[in-house]
Amino acid sequence: YAMPKMLALLLEKGGDPNKTNMHQETSLHVLCSTTA
C-alpha cells in the first residue's frame, strides 16, 4: 500500500523484504503490482 514512513520504521526494526507470503510474493512483488 506504498506506506514509506511505515516501511522505513519496519525495515529499521529488522524487517526482511525478501520474506515471502503464501503466494511466494516478496515485498518487491507487491510493491510493483500497481501504479496506484
PDB file of all heavy atoms in Angstrom:
ATOM      1  N   TYR A   1       0.800  -1.216   0.000  1.00  0.00           N
ATOM      2  CA  TYR A   1       0.000   0.000   0.000  1.00  0.00           C
ATOM      3  C   TYR A   1       0.836   1.270   0.000  1.00  0.00           C
ATOM      4  O   TYR A   1       0.334   2.352   0.294  1.00  0.00           O
ATOM      5  CB  TYR A   1      -0.965  -0.020   1.190  1.00  0.00           C
ATOM      6  CG  TYR A   1      -2.005  -1.108   1.077  1.00  0.00           C
ATOM      7  CD1 TYR A   1      -2.151  -2.069   2.075  1.00  0.00           C
ATOM      8  CD2 TYR A   1      -2.837  -1.190  -0.036  1.00  0.00           C
ATOM      9  CE1 TYR A   1      -3.095  -3.071   1.977  1.00  0.00           C
ATOM     10  CE2 TYR A   1      -3.786  -2.195  -0.148  1.00  0.00           C
ATOM     11  CZ  TYR A   1      -3.917  -3.129   0.855  1.00  0.00           C
ATOM     12  OH  TYR A   1      -4.856  -4.123   0.748  1.00  0.00           O
ATOM     13  N   ALA A   2       2.115   1.123  -0.334  1.00  0.00           N
ATOM     14  CA  ALA A   2       3.007   2.278  -0.505  1.00  0.00           C
ATOM     15  C   ALA A   2       2.978   3.201   0.710  1.00  0.00           C
ATOM     16  O   ALA A   2       2.596   4.362   0.627  1.00  0.00           O
ATOM     17  CB  ALA A   2       2.642   3.055  -1.774  1.00  0.00           C
ATOM     18  N   MET A   3       3.408   2.651   1.851  1.00  0.00           N
ATOM     19  CA  MET A   3       3.475   3.400   3.106  1.00  0.00           C
ATOM     20  C   MET A   3       4.948   3.658   3.445  1.00  0.00           C
ATOM     21  O   MET A   3       5.553   2.910   4.214  1.00  0.00           O
ATOM     22  CB  MET A   3       2.822   2.608   4.238  1.00  0.00           C
ATOM     23  CG  MET A   3       1.396   2.191   4.006  1.00  0.00           C
ATOM     24  SD  MET A   3       0.786   1.154   5.394  1.00  0.00           S
ATOM     25  CE  MET A   3      -0.933   0.910   4.926  1.00  0.00           C
ATOM     26  N   PRO A   4       5.567   4.679   2.872  1.00  0.00           N
ATOM     27  CA  PRO A   4       7.016   4.850   3.044  1.00  0.00           C
ATOM     28  C   PRO A   4       7.473   5.045   4.485  1.00  0.00           C
ATOM     29  O   PRO A   4       8.497   4.483   4.895  1.00  0.00           O
ATOM     30  CB  PRO A   4       7.340   6.065   2.171  1.00  0.00           C
ATOM     31  CG  PRO A   4       6.038   6.756   1.943  1.00  0.00           C
ATOM     32  CD  PRO A   4       5.000   5.698   1.979  1.00  0.00           C
ATOM     33  N   LYS A   5       6.747   5.822   5.266  1.00  0.00           N
ATOM     34  CA  LYS A   5       7.155   6.044   6.659  1.00  0.00           C
ATOM     35  C   LYS A   5       7.069   4.752   7.453  1.00  0.00           C
ATOM     36  O   LYS A   5       7.972   4.431   8.232  1.00  0.00           O
ATOM     37  CB  LYS A   5       6.286   7.130   7.294  1.00  0.00           C
ATOM     38  CG  LYS A   5       6.510   8.517   6.724  1.00  0.00           C
ATOM     39  CD  LYS A   5       5.630   9.546   7.412  1.00  0.00           C
ATOM     40  CE  LYS A   5       5.861  10.927   6.823  1.00  0.00           C
ATOM     41  NZ  LYS A   5       4.969  11.938   7.465  1.00  0.00           N
ATOM     42  N   MET A   6       5.990   4.004   7.249  1.00  0.00           N
ATOM     43  CA  MET A   6       5.821   2.740   7.960  1.00  0.00           C
ATOM     44  C   MET A   6       6.865   1.735   7.506  1.00  0.00           C
ATOM     45  O   MET A   6       7.450   1.009   8.324  1.00  0.00           O
ATOM     46  CB  MET A   6       4.413   2.197   7.674  1.00  0.00           C
ATOM     47  CG  MET A   6       3.979   1.051   8.561  1.00  0.00           C
ATOM     48  SD  MET A   6       3.585   1.580  10.244  1.00  0.00           S
ATOM     49  CE  MET A   6       5.013   0.966  11.126  1.00  0.00           C
ATOM     50  N   LEU A   7       7.121   1.698   6.213  1.00  0.00           N
ATOM     51  CA  LEU A   7       8.113   0.765   5.674  1.00  0.00           C
ATOM     52  C   LEU A   7       9.497   1.060   6.237  1.00  0.00           C
ATOM     53  O   LEU A   7      10.224   0.142   6.632  1.00  0.00           O
ATOM     54  CB  LEU A   7       8.137   0.845   4.147  1.00  0.00           C
ATOM     55  CG  LEU A   7       9.119  -0.091   3.436  1.00  0.00           C
ATOM     56  CD1 LEU A   7       8.814  -1.551   3.754  1.00  0.00           C
ATOM     57  CD2 LEU A   7       9.086   0.146   1.929  1.00  0.00           C
ATOM     58  N   ALA A   8       9.859   2.333   6.318  1.00  0.00           N
ATOM     59  CA  ALA A   8      11.173   2.705   6.858  1.00  0.00           C
ATOM     60  C   ALA A   8      11.321   2.251   8.304  1.00  0.00           C
ATOM     61  O   ALA A   8      12.370   1.733   8.705  1.00  0.00           O
ATOM     62  CB  ALA A   8      11.362   4.210   6.747  1.00  0.00           C
ATOM     63  N   LEU A   9      10.261   2.408   9.098  1.00  0.00           N
ATOM     64  CA  LEU A   9      10.309   2.001  10.500  1.00  0.00           C
ATOM     65  C   LEU A   9      10.427   0.481  10.635  1.00  0.00           C
ATOM     66  O   LEU A   9      11.174  -0.021  11.482  1.00  0.00           O
ATOM     67  CB  LEU A   9       9.053   2.495  11.227  1.00  0.00           C
ATOM     68  CG  LEU A   9       8.969   4.007  11.446  1.00  0.00           C
ATOM     69  CD1 LEU A   9       7.563   4.398  11.923  1.00  0.00           C
ATOM     70  CD2 LEU A   9      10.013   4.469  12.455  1.00  0.00           C
ATOM     71  N   LEU A  10       9.705  -0.248   9.805  1.00  0.00           N
ATOM     72  CA  LEU A  10       9.738  -1.708   9.867  1.00  0.00           C
ATOM     73  C   LEU A  10      11.089  -2.261   9.407  1.00  0.00           C
ATOM     74  O   LEU A  10      11.610  -3.221   9.978  1.00  0.00           O
ATOM     75  CB  LEU A  10       8.615  -2.295   9.018  1.00  0.00           C
ATOM     76  CG  LEU A  10       7.186  -2.025   9.531  1.00  0.00           C
ATOM     77  CD1 LEU A  10       6.152  -2.473   8.508  1.00  0.00           C
ATOM     78  CD2 LEU A  10       6.950  -2.727  10.870  1.00  0.00           C
ATOM     79  N   LEU A  11      11.668  -1.646   8.384  1.00  0.00           N
ATOM     80  CA  LEU A  11      12.999  -2.071   7.944  1.00  0.00           C
ATOM     81  C   LEU A  11      14.040  -1.770   9.006  1.00  0.00           C
ATOM     82  O   LEU A  11      14.946  -2.573   9.253  1.00  0.00           O
ATOM     83  CB  LEU A  11      13.367  -1.360   6.631  1.00  0.00           C
ATOM     84  CG  LEU A  11      12.555  -1.760   5.394  1.00  0.00           C
ATOM     85  CD1 LEU A  11      12.957  -0.897   4.202  1.00  0.00           C
ATOM     86  CD2 LEU A  11      12.734  -3.234   5.067  1.00  0.00           C
ATOM     87  N   GLU A  12      13.895  -0.631   9.669  1.00  0.00           N
ATOM     88  CA  GLU A  12      14.819  -0.264  10.748  1.00  0.00           C
ATOM     89  C   GLU A  12      14.723  -1.257  11.904  1.00  0.00           C
ATOM     90  O   GLU A  12      15.711  -1.542  12.583  1.00  0.00           O
ATOM     91  CB  GLU A  12      14.503   1.147  11.243  1.00  0.00           C
ATOM     92  CG  GLU A  12      15.450   1.663  12.307  1.00  0.00           C
ATOM     93  CD  GLU A  12      15.100   3.075  12.750  1.00  0.00           C
ATOM     94  OE1 GLU A  12      14.204   3.696  12.145  1.00  0.00           O
ATOM     95  OE2 GLU A  12      15.713   3.555  13.713  1.00  0.00           O
ATOM     96  N   LYS A  13      13.529  -1.811  12.094  1.00  0.00           N
ATOM     97  CA  LYS A  13      13.321  -2.781  13.175  1.00  0.00           C
ATOM     98  C   LYS A  13      13.786  -4.190  12.782  1.00  0.00           C
ATOM     99  O   LYS A  13      13.687  -5.125  13.571  1.00  0.00           O
ATOM    100  CB  LYS A  13      11.838  -2.791  13.566  1.00  0.00           C
ATOM    101  CG  LYS A  13      11.521  -3.595  14.822  1.00  0.00           C
ATOM    102  CD  LYS A  13      10.091  -3.395  15.273  1.00  0.00           C
ATOM    103  CE  LYS A  13       9.724  -4.353  16.411  1.00  0.00           C
ATOM    104  NZ  LYS A  13      10.587  -4.204  17.582  1.00  0.00           N
ATOM    105  N   GLY A  14      14.293  -4.344  11.575  1.00  0.00           N
ATOM    106  CA  GLY A  14      14.789  -5.645  11.147  1.00  0.00           C
ATOM    107  C   GLY A  14      13.914  -6.353  10.138  1.00  0.00           C
ATOM    108  O   GLY A  14      14.085  -7.552   9.898  1.00  0.00           O
ATOM    109  N   GLY A  15      12.971  -5.629   9.558  1.00  0.00           N
ATOM    110  CA  GLY A  15      12.095  -6.233   8.565  1.00  0.00           C
ATOM    111  C   GLY A  15      12.870  -6.775   7.375  1.00  0.00           C
ATOM    112  O   GLY A  15      13.826  -6.145   6.916  1.00  0.00           O
ATOM    113  N   ASP A  16      12.443  -7.941   6.893  1.00  0.00           N
ATOM    114  CA  ASP A  16      13.118  -8.604   5.781  1.00  0.00           C
ATOM    115  C   ASP A  16      12.260  -8.504   4.520  1.00  0.00           C
ATOM    116  O   ASP A  16      11.250  -9.188   4.400  1.00  0.00           O
ATOM    117  CB  ASP A  16      13.365 -10.078   6.128  1.00  0.00           C
ATOM    118  CG  ASP A  16      14.100 -10.835   5.032  1.00  0.00           C
ATOM    119  OD1 ASP A  16      14.445 -10.216   4.012  1.00  0.00           O
ATOM    120  OD2 ASP A  16      14.314 -12.048   5.210  1.00  0.00           O
ATOM    121  N   PRO A  17      12.662  -7.675   3.543  1.00  0.00           N
ATOM    122  CA  PRO A  17      11.857  -7.524   2.330  1.00  0.00           C
ATOM    123  C   PRO A  17      11.894  -8.748   1.420  1.00  0.00           C
ATOM    124  O   PRO A  17      11.137  -8.827   0.458  1.00  0.00           O
ATOM    125  CB  PRO A  17      12.486  -6.306   1.642  1.00  0.00           C
ATOM    126  CG  PRO A  17      13.895  -6.290   2.126  1.00  0.00           C
ATOM    127  CD  PRO A  17      13.845  -6.800   3.537  1.00  0.00           C
ATOM    128  N   ASN A  18      12.772  -9.702   1.718  1.00  0.00           N
ATOM    129  CA  ASN A  18      12.841 -10.928   0.918  1.00  0.00           C
ATOM    130  C   ASN A  18      11.907 -12.031   1.432  1.00  0.00           C
ATOM    131  O   ASN A  18      11.781 -13.084   0.806  1.00  0.00           O
ATOM    132  CB  ASN A  18      14.278 -11.464   0.898  1.00  0.00           C
ATOM    133  CG  ASN A  18      15.220 -10.530   0.161  1.00  0.00           C
ATOM    134  OD1 ASN A  18      14.857  -9.926  -0.831  1.00  0.00           O
ATOM    135  ND2 ASN A  18      16.439 -10.401   0.675  1.00  0.00           N
ATOM    136  N   LYS A  19      11.264 -11.780   2.557  1.00  0.00           N
ATOM    137  CA  LYS A  19      10.318 -12.750   3.114  1.00  0.00           C
ATOM    138  C   LYS A  19       9.140 -12.924   2.146  1.00  0.00           C
ATOM    139  O   LYS A  19       8.673 -11.954   1.550  1.00  0.00           O
ATOM    140  CB  LYS A  19       9.816 -12.234   4.457  1.00  0.00           C
ATOM    141  CG  LYS A  19       9.007 -13.204   5.273  1.00  0.00           C
ATOM    142  CD  LYS A  19       9.888 -14.059   6.130  1.00  0.00           C
ATOM    143  CE  LYS A  19       9.043 -14.889   7.093  1.00  0.00           C
ATOM    144  NZ  LYS A  19       9.851 -15.872   7.802  1.00  0.00           N
ATOM    145  N   THR A  20       8.664 -14.162   1.988  1.00  0.00           N
ATOM    146  CA  THR A  20       7.564 -14.406   1.058  1.00  0.00           C
ATOM    147  C   THR A  20       6.264 -14.714   1.792  1.00  0.00           C
ATOM    148  O   THR A  20       6.273 -15.211   2.912  1.00  0.00           O
ATOM    149  CB  THR A  20       7.889 -15.589   0.116  1.00  0.00           C
ATOM    150  OG1 THR A  20       8.161 -16.758   0.894  1.00  0.00           O
ATOM    151  CG2 THR A  20       9.094 -15.268  -0.764  1.00  0.00           C
ATOM    152  N   ASN A  21       5.137 -14.425   1.113  1.00  0.00           N
ATOM    153  CA  ASN A  21       3.817 -14.758   1.654  1.00  0.00           C
ATOM    154  C   ASN A  21       3.346 -16.087   1.069  1.00  0.00           C
ATOM    155  O   ASN A  21       4.128 -16.811   0.450  1.00  0.00           O
ATOM    156  CB  ASN A  21       2.821 -13.620   1.384  1.00  0.00           C
ATOM    157  CG  ASN A  21       2.605 -13.382  -0.114  1.00  0.00           C
ATOM    158  OD1 ASN A  21       2.950 -14.217  -0.964  1.00  0.00           O
ATOM    159  ND2 ASN A  21       2.029 -12.241  -0.441  1.00  0.00           N
ATOM    160  N   MET A  22       2.078 -16.420   1.217  1.00  0.00           N
ATOM    161  CA  MET A  22       1.593 -17.723   0.772  1.00  0.00           C
ATOM    162  C   MET A  22       1.584 -17.866  -0.749  1.00  0.00           C
ATOM    163  O   MET A  22       1.447 -18.980  -1.269  1.00  0.00           O
ATOM    164  CB  MET A  22       0.193 -17.991   1.338  1.00  0.00           C
ATOM    165  CG  MET A  22      -0.892 -17.074   0.849  1.00  0.00           C
ATOM    166  SD  MET A  22      -2.489 -17.405   1.670  1.00  0.00           S
ATOM    167  CE  MET A  22      -2.892 -19.028   1.003  1.00  0.00           C
ATOM    168  N   HIS A  23       1.726 -16.760  -1.456  1.00  0.00           N
ATOM    169  CA  HIS A  23       1.799 -16.792  -2.918  1.00  0.00           C
ATOM    170  C   HIS A  23       3.243 -16.670  -3.409  1.00  0.00           C
ATOM    171  O   HIS A  23       3.471 -16.454  -4.601  1.00  0.00           O
ATOM    172  CB  HIS A  23       0.956 -15.663  -3.513  1.00  0.00           C
ATOM    173  CG  HIS A  23      -0.471 -15.669  -3.060  1.00  0.00           C
ATOM    174  ND1 HIS A  23      -1.348 -16.690  -3.379  1.00  0.00           N
ATOM    175  CD2 HIS A  23      -1.170 -14.790  -2.288  1.00  0.00           C
ATOM    176  CE1 HIS A  23      -2.530 -16.432  -2.841  1.00  0.00           C
ATOM    177  NE2 HIS A  23      -2.445 -15.305  -2.171  1.00  0.00           N
ATOM    178  N   GLN A  24       4.178 -16.813  -2.478  1.00  0.00           N
ATOM    179  CA  GLN A  24       5.609 -16.689  -2.770  1.00  0.00           C
ATOM    180  C   GLN A  24       5.975 -15.294  -3.277  1.00  0.00           C
ATOM    181  O   GLN A  24       6.948 -15.125  -4.015  1.00  0.00           O
ATOM    182  CB  GLN A  24       6.061 -17.757  -3.781  1.00  0.00           C
ATOM    183  CG  GLN A  24       5.991 -19.179  -3.257  1.00  0.00           C
ATOM    184  CD  GLN A  24       6.844 -19.367  -1.986  1.00  0.00           C
ATOM    185  OE1 GLN A  24       8.036 -19.100  -1.998  1.00  0.00           O
ATOM    186  NE2 GLN A  24       6.219 -19.812  -0.912  1.00  0.00           N
ATOM    187  N   GLU A  25       5.205 -14.302  -2.860  1.00  0.00           N
ATOM    188  CA  GLU A  25       5.488 -12.918  -3.238  1.00  0.00           C
ATOM    189  C   GLU A  25       6.369 -12.262  -2.184  1.00  0.00           C
ATOM    190  O   GLU A  25       6.118 -12.404  -0.980  1.00  0.00           O
ATOM    191  CB  GLU A  25       4.190 -12.110  -3.338  1.00  0.00           C
ATOM    192  CG  GLU A  25       3.232 -12.603  -4.398  1.00  0.00           C
ATOM    193  CD  GLU A  25       1.864 -11.965  -4.238  1.00  0.00           C
ATOM    194  OE1 GLU A  25       1.382 -11.844  -3.095  1.00  0.00           O
ATOM    195  OE2 GLU A  25       1.268 -11.582  -5.263  1.00  0.00           O
ATOM    196  N   THR A  26       7.375 -11.547  -2.625  1.00  0.00           N
ATOM    197  CA  THR A  26       8.168 -10.721  -1.724  1.00  0.00           C
ATOM    198  C   THR A  26       7.546  -9.326  -1.666  1.00  0.00           C
ATOM    199  O   THR A  26       6.597  -9.018  -2.398  1.00  0.00           O
ATOM    200  CB  THR A  26       9.619 -10.598  -2.227  1.00  0.00           C
ATOM    201  OG1 THR A  26       9.621  -9.860  -3.468  1.00  0.00           O
ATOM    202  CG2 THR A  26      10.254 -11.965  -2.427  1.00  0.00           C
ATOM    203  N   SER A  27       8.116  -8.485  -0.833  1.00  0.00           N
ATOM    204  CA  SER A  27       7.634  -7.104  -0.749  1.00  0.00           C
ATOM    205  C   SER A  27       7.815  -6.370  -2.065  1.00  0.00           C
ATOM    206  O   SER A  27       7.019  -5.503  -2.425  1.00  0.00           O
ATOM    207  CB  SER A  27       8.371  -6.364   0.370  1.00  0.00           C
ATOM    208  OG  SER A  27       8.086  -6.937   1.620  1.00  0.00           O
ATOM    209  N   LEU A  28       8.864  -6.721  -2.805  1.00  0.00           N
ATOM    210  CA  LEU A  28       9.094  -6.071  -4.101  1.00  0.00           C
ATOM    211  C   LEU A  28       8.019  -6.469  -5.103  1.00  0.00           C
ATOM    212  O   LEU A  28       7.592  -5.641  -5.924  1.00  0.00           O
ATOM    213  CB  LEU A  28      10.490  -6.434  -4.618  1.00  0.00           C
ATOM    214  CG  LEU A  28      11.009  -5.627  -5.818  1.00  0.00           C
ATOM    215  CD1 LEU A  28      11.027  -4.132  -5.514  1.00  0.00           C
ATOM    216  CD2 LEU A  28      12.406  -6.097  -6.212  1.00  0.00           C
ATOM    217  N   HIS A  29       7.567  -7.728  -5.051  1.00  0.00           N
ATOM    218  CA  HIS A  29       6.467  -8.151  -5.921  1.00  0.00           C
ATOM    219  C   HIS A  29       5.224  -7.275  -5.708  1.00  0.00           C
ATOM    220  O   HIS A  29       4.665  -6.741  -6.666  1.00  0.00           O
ATOM    221  CB  HIS A  29       6.070  -9.603  -5.618  1.00  0.00           C
ATOM    222  CG  HIS A  29       6.893 -10.637  -6.307  1.00  0.00           C
ATOM    223  ND1 HIS A  29       7.775 -11.440  -5.624  1.00  0.00           N
ATOM    224  CD2 HIS A  29       6.961 -11.029  -7.601  1.00  0.00           C
ATOM    225  CE1 HIS A  29       8.350 -12.283  -6.468  1.00  0.00           C
ATOM    226  NE2 HIS A  29       7.882 -12.051  -7.678  1.00  0.00           N
ATOM    227  N   VAL A  30       4.796  -7.192  -4.458  1.00  0.00           N
ATOM    228  CA  VAL A  30       3.538  -6.485  -4.192  1.00  0.00           C
ATOM    229  C   VAL A  30       3.679  -4.985  -4.433  1.00  0.00           C
ATOM    230  O   VAL A  30       2.718  -4.319  -4.814  1.00  0.00           O
ATOM    231  CB  VAL A  30       3.017  -6.776  -2.769  1.00  0.00           C
ATOM    232  CG1 VAL A  30       2.678  -8.244  -2.620  1.00  0.00           C
ATOM    233  CG2 VAL A  30       3.993  -6.335  -1.681  1.00  0.00           C
ATOM    234  N   LEU A  31       4.874  -4.457  -4.228  1.00  0.00           N
ATOM    235  CA  LEU A  31       5.108  -3.031  -4.483  1.00  0.00           C
ATOM    236  C   LEU A  31       4.958  -2.713  -5.962  1.00  0.00           C
ATOM    237  O   LEU A  31       4.419  -1.663  -6.325  1.00  0.00           O
ATOM    238  CB  LEU A  31       6.510  -2.644  -4.009  1.00  0.00           C
ATOM    239  CG  LEU A  31       6.926  -1.188  -4.237  1.00  0.00           C
ATOM    240  CD1 LEU A  31       6.118  -0.256  -3.346  1.00  0.00           C
ATOM    241  CD2 LEU A  31       8.413  -1.009  -3.985  1.00  0.00           C
ATOM    242  N   CYS A  32       5.448  -3.617  -6.824  1.00  0.00           N
ATOM    243  CA  CYS A  32       5.496  -3.363  -8.266  1.00  0.00           C
ATOM    244  C   CYS A  32       4.217  -3.763  -8.998  1.00  0.00           C
ATOM    245  O   CYS A  32       4.173  -3.689 -10.235  1.00  0.00           O
ATOM    246  CB  CYS A  32       6.678  -4.107  -8.882  1.00  0.00           C
ATOM    247  SG  CYS A  32       8.298  -3.566  -8.285  1.00  0.00           S
ATOM    248  N   SER A  33       3.182  -4.161  -8.281  1.00  0.00           N
ATOM    249  CA  SER A  33       1.998  -4.749  -8.912  1.00  0.00           C
ATOM    250  C   SER A  33       0.898  -3.765  -9.263  1.00  0.00           C
ATOM    251  O   SER A  33      -0.143  -4.162  -9.791  1.00  0.00           O
ATOM    252  CB  SER A  33       1.420  -5.850  -8.004  1.00  0.00           C
ATOM    253  OG  SER A  33       2.339  -6.914  -7.888  1.00  0.00           O
ATOM    254  N   THR A  34       1.099  -2.501  -8.995  1.00  0.00           N
ATOM    255  CA  THR A  34       0.086  -1.489  -9.315  1.00  0.00           C
ATOM    256  C   THR A  34       0.752  -0.129  -9.454  1.00  0.00           C
ATOM    257  O   THR A  34       1.827   0.099  -8.898  1.00  0.00           O
ATOM    258  CB  THR A  34      -0.995  -1.423  -8.216  1.00  0.00           C
ATOM    259  OG1 THR A  34      -1.911  -0.362  -8.510  1.00  0.00           O
ATOM    260  CG2 THR A  34      -0.384  -1.171  -6.852  1.00  0.00           C
ATOM    261  N   THR A  35       0.102   0.758 -10.188  1.00  0.00           N
ATOM    262  CA  THR A  35       0.614   2.121 -10.339  1.00  0.00           C
ATOM    263  C   THR A  35      -0.044   3.090  -9.359  1.00  0.00           C
ATOM    264  O   THR A  35       0.223   4.283  -9.403  1.00  0.00           O
ATOM    265  CB  THR A  35       0.379   2.628 -11.773  1.00  0.00           C
ATOM    266  OG1 THR A  35      -1.027   2.592 -12.055  1.00  0.00           O
ATOM    267  CG2 THR A  35       1.109   1.770 -12.792  1.00  0.00           C
ATOM    268  N   ALA A  36      -0.912   2.584  -8.491  1.00  0.00           N
ATOM    269  CA  ALA A  36      -1.592   3.456  -7.524  1.00  0.00           C
ATOM    270  C   ALA A  36      -0.583   4.140  -6.606  1.00  0.00           C
ATOM    271  O   ALA A  36       0.413   3.535  -6.206  1.00  0.00           O
ATOM    272  CB  ALA A  36      -2.577   2.635  -6.691  1.00  0.00           C
TER     273      ALA A  36
END
